[in-house]
Amino acid sequence: MFLKDQERIALLNASLTPDELDRVISTVQQRNPHAFHTQESLHTRVFFNQPLHGEPCKGFIHFAPPQPGNR
């Protein structure tokens, strides 16, 4: 369940352009679907930082204070 170095580089390079990033994510997901979590696998993951958007998880190490506008 890992990204290959080439996939990481492609994602980093595309991160400056949202449309390009969406295209690269789609391509990487098609070629390496096991590198991405599913709703089922997120329930088993322990995050280092608390998820900010309510993603399901088994737990987290650091509590994230409320973000402005997300109360």
PDB file of N, CA and C in Angstrom:
ATOM      1  N   MET A   1       0.831  -1.187   0.000  1.00  0.00           N
ATOM      2  CA  MET A   1       0.000   0.000   0.000  1.00  0.00           C
ATOM      3  C   MET A   1       0.878   1.254   0.000  1.00  0.00           C
ATOM      4  N   PHE A   2       1.833   1.292  -0.907  1.00  0.00           N
ATOM      5  CA  PHE A   2       2.723   2.439  -0.976  1.00  0.00           C
ATOM      6  C   PHE A   2       2.773   2.993  -2.385  1.00  0.00           C
ATOM      7  N   LEU A   3       3.059   4.291  -2.468  1.00  0.00           N
ATOM      8  CA  LEU A   3       3.282   4.910  -3.764  1.00  0.00           C
ATOM      9  C   LEU A   3       4.711   4.617  -4.200  1.00  0.00           C
ATOM     10  N   LYS A   4       4.899   4.423  -5.477  1.00  0.00           N
ATOM     11  CA  LYS A   4       6.241   4.252  -6.040  1.00  0.00           C
ATOM     12  C   LYS A   4       6.880   5.633  -6.130  1.00  0.00           C
ATOM     13  N   ASP A   5       8.210   5.685  -6.156  1.00  0.00           N
ATOM     14  CA  ASP A   5       8.914   6.974  -6.226  1.00  0.00           C
ATOM     15  C   ASP A   5       8.443   7.804  -7.413  1.00  0.00           C
ATOM     16  N   GLN A   6       8.267   7.165  -8.547  1.00  0.00           N
ATOM     17  CA  GLN A   6       7.817   7.875  -9.752  1.00  0.00           C
ATOM     18  C   GLN A   6       6.436   8.503  -9.526  1.00  0.00           C
ATOM     19  N   GLU A   7       5.557   7.795  -8.812  1.00  0.00           N
ATOM     20  CA  GLU A   7       4.216   8.317  -8.533  1.00  0.00           C
ATOM     21  C   GLU A   7       4.281   9.498  -7.568  1.00  0.00           C
ATOM     22  N   ARG A   8       5.139   9.410  -6.570  1.00  0.00           N
ATOM     23  CA  ARG A   8       5.310  10.523  -5.628  1.00  0.00           C
ATOM     24  C   ARG A   8       5.787  11.781  -6.350  1.00  0.00           C
ATOM     25  N   ILE A   9       6.764  11.599  -7.208  1.00  0.00           N
ATOM     26  CA  ILE A   9       7.315  12.739  -7.952  1.00  0.00           C
ATOM     27  C   ILE A   9       6.244  13.353  -8.850  1.00  0.00           C
ATOM     28  N   ALA A  10       5.471  12.510  -9.534  1.00  0.00           N
ATOM     29  CA  ALA A  10       4.411  13.017 -10.406  1.00  0.00           C
ATOM     30  C   ALA A  10       3.382  13.810  -9.603  1.00  0.00           C
ATOM     31  N   LEU A  11       3.019  13.309  -8.422  1.00  0.00           N
ATOM     32  CA  LEU A  11       2.053  14.018  -7.568  1.00  0.00           C
ATOM     33  C   LEU A  11       2.619  15.343  -7.064  1.00  0.00           C
ATOM     34  N   LEU A  12       3.879  15.339  -6.648  1.00  0.00           N
ATOM     35  CA  LEU A  12       4.504  16.586  -6.197  1.00  0.00           C
ATOM     36  C   LEU A  12       4.564  17.616  -7.320  1.00  0.00           C
ATOM     37  N   ASN A  13       4.951  17.187  -8.505  1.00  0.00           N
ATOM     38  CA  ASN A  13       5.037  18.101  -9.652  1.00  0.00           C
ATOM     39  C   ASN A  13       3.670  18.654 -10.029  1.00  0.00           C
ATOM     40  N   ALA A  14       2.632  17.845  -9.889  1.00  0.00           N
ATOM     41  CA  ALA A  14       1.279  18.262 -10.274  1.00  0.00           C
ATOM     42  C   ALA A  14       0.595  19.079  -9.182  1.00  0.00           C
ATOM     43  N   SER A  15       1.154  19.116  -7.993  1.00  0.00           N
ATOM     44  CA  SER A  15       0.466  19.741  -6.858  1.00  0.00           C
ATOM     45  C   SER A  15       0.268  21.246  -6.996  1.00  0.00           C
ATOM     46  N   LEU A  16       0.949  21.864  -7.918  1.00  0.00           N
ATOM     47  CA  LEU A  16       0.805  23.310  -8.100  1.00  0.00           C
ATOM     48  C   LEU A  16      -0.393  23.678  -8.967  1.00  0.00           C
ATOM     49  N   THR A  17      -0.948  22.706  -9.675  1.00  0.00           N
ATOM     50  CA  THR A  17      -2.071  22.951 -10.571  1.00  0.00           C
ATOM     51  C   THR A  17      -3.197  21.985 -10.231  1.00  0.00           C
ATOM     52  N   PRO A  18      -4.304  22.476  -9.644  1.00  0.00           N
ATOM     53  CA  PRO A  18      -5.380  21.574  -9.207  1.00  0.00           C
ATOM     54  C   PRO A  18      -5.894  20.632 -10.290  1.00  0.00           C
ATOM     55  N   ASP A  19      -6.103  21.113 -11.500  1.00  0.00           N
ATOM     56  CA  ASP A  19      -6.607  20.250 -12.571  1.00  0.00           C
ATOM     57  C   ASP A  19      -5.601  19.158 -12.917  1.00  0.00           C
ATOM     58  N   GLU A  20      -4.330  19.526 -12.949  1.00  0.00           N
ATOM     59  CA  GLU A  20      -3.287  18.541 -13.239  1.00  0.00           C
ATOM     60  C   GLU A  20      -3.185  17.535 -12.093  1.00  0.00           C
ATOM     61  N   LEU A  21      -3.321  18.002 -10.874  1.00  0.00           N
ATOM     62  CA  LEU A  21      -3.258  17.106  -9.714  1.00  0.00           C
ATOM     63  C   LEU A  21      -4.386  16.086  -9.769  1.00  0.00           C
ATOM     64  N   ASP A  22      -5.589  16.525 -10.081  1.00  0.00           N
ATOM     65  CA  ASP A  22      -6.721  15.599 -10.197  1.00  0.00           C
ATOM     66  C   ASP A  22      -6.459  14.541 -11.267  1.00  0.00           C
ATOM     67  N   ARG A  23      -5.881  14.957 -12.371  1.00  0.00           N
ATOM     68  CA  ARG A  23      -5.582  14.022 -13.462  1.00  0.00           C
ATOM     69  C   ARG A  23      -4.541  13.002 -13.019  1.00  0.00           C
ATOM     70  N   VAL A  24      -3.486  13.469 -12.347  1.00  0.00           N
ATOM     71  CA  VAL A  24      -2.420  12.569 -11.909  1.00  0.00           C
ATOM     72  C   VAL A  24      -2.937  11.607 -10.835  1.00  0.00           C
ATOM     73  N   ILE A  25      -3.742  12.109  -9.906  1.00  0.00           N
ATOM     74  CA  ILE A  25      -4.325  11.235  -8.881  1.00  0.00           C
ATOM     75  C   ILE A  25      -5.147  10.136  -9.539  1.00  0.00           C
ATOM     76  N   SER A  26      -5.960  10.497 -10.501  1.00  0.00           N
ATOM     77  CA  SER A  26      -6.784   9.519 -11.203  1.00  0.00           C
ATOM     78  C   SER A  26      -5.918   8.460 -11.888  1.00  0.00           C
ATOM     79  N   THR A  27      -4.853   8.896 -12.542  1.00  0.00           N
ATOM     80  CA  THR A  27      -3.951   7.969 -13.227  1.00  0.00           C
ATOM     81  C   THR A  27      -3.269   7.031 -12.232  1.00  0.00           C
ATOM     82  N   VAL A  28      -2.766   7.596 -11.134  1.00  0.00           N
ATOM     83  CA  VAL A  28      -2.084   6.777 -10.129  1.00  0.00           C
ATOM     84  C   VAL A  28      -3.063   5.791  -9.493  1.00  0.00           C
ATOM     85  N   GLN A  29      -4.295   6.232  -9.221  1.00  0.00           N
ATOM     86  CA  GLN A  29      -5.293   5.329  -8.648  1.00  0.00           C
ATOM     87  C   GLN A  29      -5.606   4.160  -9.575  1.00  0.00           C
ATOM     88  N   GLN A  30      -5.626   4.420 -10.870  1.00  0.00           N
ATOM     89  CA  GLN A  30      -5.897   3.348 -11.834  1.00  0.00           C
ATOM     90  C   GLN A  30      -4.737   2.356 -11.897  1.00  0.00           C
ATOM     91  N   ARG A  31      -3.512   2.873 -11.833  1.00  0.00           N
ATOM     92  CA  ARG A  31      -2.335   2.010 -11.962  1.00  0.00           C
ATOM     93  C   ARG A  31      -1.947   1.328 -10.655  1.00  0.00           C
ATOM     94  N   ASN A  32      -2.245   1.960  -9.527  1.00  0.00           N
ATOM     95  CA  ASN A  32      -1.806   1.439  -8.233  1.00  0.00           C
ATOM     96  C   ASN A  32      -2.921   1.650  -7.200  1.00  0.00           C
ATOM     97  N   PRO A  33      -4.055   0.982  -7.354  1.00  0.00           N
ATOM     98  CA  PRO A  33      -5.194   1.234  -6.472  1.00  0.00           C
ATOM     99  C   PRO A  33      -4.932   0.877  -5.009  1.00  0.00           C
ATOM    100  N   HIS A  34      -4.007  -0.029  -4.753  1.00  0.00           N
ATOM    101  CA  HIS A  34      -3.740  -0.433  -3.366  1.00  0.00           C
ATOM    102  C   HIS A  34      -2.938   0.609  -2.591  1.00  0.00           C
ATOM    103  N   ALA A  35      -2.461   1.655  -3.264  1.00  0.00           N
ATOM    104  CA  ALA A  35      -1.720   2.718  -2.592  1.00  0.00           C
ATOM    105  C   ALA A  35      -2.659   3.722  -1.925  1.00  0.00           C
ATOM    106  N   PHE A  36      -3.964   3.568  -2.138  1.00  0.00           N
ATOM    107  CA  PHE A  36      -4.931   4.513  -1.599  1.00  0.00           C
ATOM    108  C   PHE A  36      -5.836   3.814  -0.585  1.00  0.00           C
ATOM    109  N   HIS A  37      -6.144   4.531   0.472  1.00  0.00           N
ATOM    110  CA  HIS A  37      -7.064   3.981   1.465  1.00  0.00           C
ATOM    111  C   HIS A  37      -8.480   3.944   0.901  1.00  0.00           C
ATOM    112  N   THR A  38      -9.248   3.008   1.406  1.00  0.00           N
ATOM    113  CA  THR A  38     -10.678   2.940   1.123  1.00  0.00           C
ATOM    114  C   THR A  38     -11.408   3.328   2.403  1.00  0.00           C
ATOM    115  N   GLN A  39     -12.716   3.493   2.330  1.00  0.00           N
ATOM    116  CA  GLN A  39     -13.477   3.797   3.546  1.00  0.00           C
ATOM    117  C   GLN A  39     -13.284   2.690   4.586  1.00  0.00           C
ATOM    118  N   GLU A  40     -13.160   1.453   4.128  1.00  0.00           N
ATOM    119  CA  GLU A  40     -12.976   0.332   5.048  1.00  0.00           C
ATOM    120  C   GLU A  40     -11.597   0.352   5.699  1.00  0.00           C
ATOM    121  N   SER A  41     -10.550   0.664   4.923  1.00  0.00           N
ATOM    122  CA  SER A  41      -9.196   0.633   5.480  1.00  0.00           C
ATOM    123  C   SER A  41      -8.911   1.825   6.388  1.00  0.00           C
ATOM    124  N   LEU A  42      -9.603   2.952   6.174  1.00  0.00           N
ATOM    125  CA  LEU A  42      -9.390   4.117   7.045  1.00  0.00           C
ATOM    126  C   LEU A  42      -9.758   3.801   8.494  1.00  0.00           C
ATOM    127  N   HIS A  43     -10.726   2.927   8.683  1.00  0.00           N
ATOM    128  CA  HIS A  43     -11.150   2.574  10.040  1.00  0.00           C
ATOM    129  C   HIS A  43     -10.052   1.863  10.822  1.00  0.00           C
ATOM    130  N   THR A  44      -9.051   1.341  10.137  1.00  0.00           N
ATOM    131  CA  THR A  44      -7.967   0.633  10.817  1.00  0.00           C
ATOM    132  C   THR A  44      -6.721   1.486  10.972  1.00  0.00           C
ATOM    133  N   ARG A  45      -6.732   2.703  10.449  1.00  0.00           N
ATOM    134  CA  ARG A  45      -5.543   3.546  10.444  1.00  0.00           C
ATOM    135  C   ARG A  45      -5.474   4.418  11.683  1.00  0.00           C
ATOM    136  N   VAL A  46      -4.258   4.554  12.217  1.00  0.00           N
ATOM    137  CA  VAL A  46      -3.986   5.504  13.290  1.00  0.00           C
ATOM    138  C   VAL A  46      -3.223   6.665  12.653  1.00  0.00           C
ATOM    139  N   PHE A  47      -3.815   7.861  12.691  1.00  0.00           N
ATOM    140  CA  PHE A  47      -3.194   9.051  12.129  1.00  0.00           C
ATOM    141  C   PHE A  47      -2.258   9.671  13.157  1.00  0.00           C
ATOM    142  N   PHE A  48      -1.214  10.334  12.697  1.00  0.00           N
ATOM    143  CA  PHE A  48      -0.349  11.087  13.605  1.00  0.00           C
ATOM    144  C   PHE A  48      -1.108  12.304  14.113  1.00  0.00           C
ATOM    145  N   ASN A  49      -1.686  13.080  13.194  1.00  0.00           N
ATOM    146  CA  ASN A  49      -2.506  14.241  13.548  1.00  0.00           C
ATOM    147  C   ASN A  49      -3.980  13.884  13.388  1.00  0.00           C
ATOM    148  N   GLN A  50      -4.802  14.438  14.233  1.00  0.00           N
ATOM    149  CA  GLN A  50      -6.242  14.199  14.148  1.00  0.00           C
ATOM    150  C   GLN A  50      -6.766  14.636  12.781  1.00  0.00           C
ATOM    151  N   PRO A  51      -7.543  13.807  12.092  1.00  0.00           N
ATOM    152  CA  PRO A  51      -8.117  14.217  10.811  1.00  0.00           C
ATOM    153  C   PRO A  51      -8.990  15.470  10.994  1.00  0.00           C
ATOM    154  N   LEU A  52      -8.846  16.411  10.083  1.00  0.00           N
ATOM    155  CA  LEU A  52      -9.560  17.689  10.205  1.00  0.00           C
ATOM    156  C   LEU A  52     -10.970  17.641   9.644  1.00  0.00           C
ATOM    157  N   HIS A  53     -11.267  16.660   8.803  1.00  0.00           N
ATOM    158  CA  HIS A  53     -12.552  16.641   8.115  1.00  0.00           C
ATOM    159  C   HIS A  53     -13.421  15.459   8.509  1.00  0.00           C
ATOM    160  N   GLY A  54     -13.147  14.875   9.677  1.00  0.00           N
ATOM    161  CA  GLY A  54     -13.983  13.793  10.171  1.00  0.00           C
ATOM    162  C   GLY A  54     -13.780  12.455   9.486  1.00  0.00           C
ATOM    163  N   GLU A  55     -12.624  12.258   8.841  1.00  0.00           N
ATOM    164  CA  GLU A  55     -12.349  10.981   8.208  1.00  0.00           C
ATOM    165  C   GLU A  55     -12.382   9.877   9.268  1.00  0.00           C
ATOM    166  N   PRO A  56     -12.913   8.714   8.914  1.00  0.00           N
ATOM    167  CA  PRO A  56     -12.946   7.621   9.879  1.00  0.00           C
ATOM    168  C   PRO A  56     -11.524   7.146  10.176  1.00  0.00           C
ATOM    169  N   CYS A  57     -11.270   6.781  11.419  1.00  0.00           N
ATOM    170  CA  CYS A  57      -9.952   6.270  11.782  1.00  0.00           C
ATOM    171  C   CYS A  57     -10.036   5.503  13.095  1.00  0.00           C
ATOM    172  N   LYS A  58      -9.018   4.699  13.357  1.00  0.00           N
ATOM    173  CA  LYS A  58      -8.938   3.955  14.606  1.00  0.00           C
ATOM    174  C   LYS A  58      -8.537   4.879  15.750  1.00  0.00           C
ATOM    175  N   GLY A  59      -7.735   5.887  15.421  1.00  0.00           N
ATOM    176  CA  GLY A  59      -7.291   6.843  16.436  1.00  0.00           C
ATOM    177  C   GLY A  59      -6.290   7.813  15.855  1.00  0.00           C
ATOM    178  N   PHE A  60      -5.732   8.665  16.724  1.00  0.00           N
ATOM    179  CA  PHE A  60      -4.718   9.622  16.317  1.00  0.00           C
ATOM    180  C   PHE A  60      -3.845   9.939  17.518  1.00  0.00           C
ATOM    181  N   ILE A  61      -2.664  10.484  17.268  1.00  0.00           N
ATOM    182  CA  ILE A  61      -1.689  10.776  18.312  1.00  0.00           C
ATOM    183  C   ILE A  61      -1.870  12.196  18.856  1.00  0.00           C
ATOM    184  N   HIS A  62      -1.969  13.170  17.944  1.00  0.00           N
ATOM    185  CA  HIS A  62      -2.063  14.571  18.342  1.00  0.00           C
ATOM    186  C   HIS A  62      -3.443  15.140  18.030  1.00  0.00           C
ATOM    187  N   PHE A  63      -4.042  15.778  19.020  1.00  0.00           N
ATOM    188  CA  PHE A  63      -5.321  16.448  18.871  1.00  0.00           C
ATOM    189  C   PHE A  63      -5.124  17.710  18.052  1.00  0.00           C
ATOM    190  N   ALA A  64      -6.016  17.970  17.114  1.00  0.00           N
ATOM    191  CA  ALA A  64      -5.965  19.191  16.306  1.00  0.00           C
ATOM    192  C   ALA A  64      -6.978  20.185  16.866  1.00  0.00           C
ATOM    193  N   PRO A  65      -6.520  21.394  17.207  1.00  0.00           N
ATOM    194  CA  PRO A  65      -7.471  22.407  17.684  1.00  0.00           C
ATOM    195  C   PRO A  65      -8.441  22.767  16.576  1.00  0.00           C
ATOM    196  N   PRO A  66      -9.641  23.244  16.942  1.00  0.00           N
ATOM    197  CA  PRO A  66     -10.631  23.632  15.914  1.00  0.00           C
ATOM    198  C   PRO A  66     -10.065  24.662  14.961  1.00  0.00           C
ATOM    199  N   GLN A  67     -10.348  24.473  13.681  1.00  0.00           N
ATOM    200  CA  GLN A  67      -9.901  25.403  12.647  1.00  0.00           C
ATOM    201  C   GLN A  67     -10.934  26.528  12.487  1.00  0.00           C
ATOM    202  N   PRO A  68     -10.496  27.745  12.204  1.00  0.00           N
ATOM    203  CA  PRO A  68     -11.444  28.842  11.990  1.00  0.00           C
ATOM    204  C   PRO A  68     -12.446  28.473  10.892  1.00  0.00           C
ATOM    205  N   GLY A  69     -13.713  28.672  11.166  1.00  0.00           N
ATOM    206  CA  GLY A  69     -14.756  28.393  10.189  1.00  0.00           C
ATOM    207  C   GLY A  69     -15.218  26.946  10.189  1.00  0.00           C
ATOM    208  N   ASN A  70     -14.599  26.074  10.981  1.00  0.00           N
ATOM    209  CA  ASN A  70     -14.968  24.647  11.027  1.00  0.00           C
ATOM    210  C   ASN A  70     -15.534  24.280  12.391  1.00  0.00           C
ATOM    211  N   ARG A  71     -16.254  25.155  13.009  1.00  0.00           N
ATOM    212  CA  ARG A  71     -16.778  24.876  14.352  1.00  0.00           C
ATOM    213  C   ARG A  71     -18.177  24.362  14.312  1.00  0.00           C
TER     214      ARG A  71
END
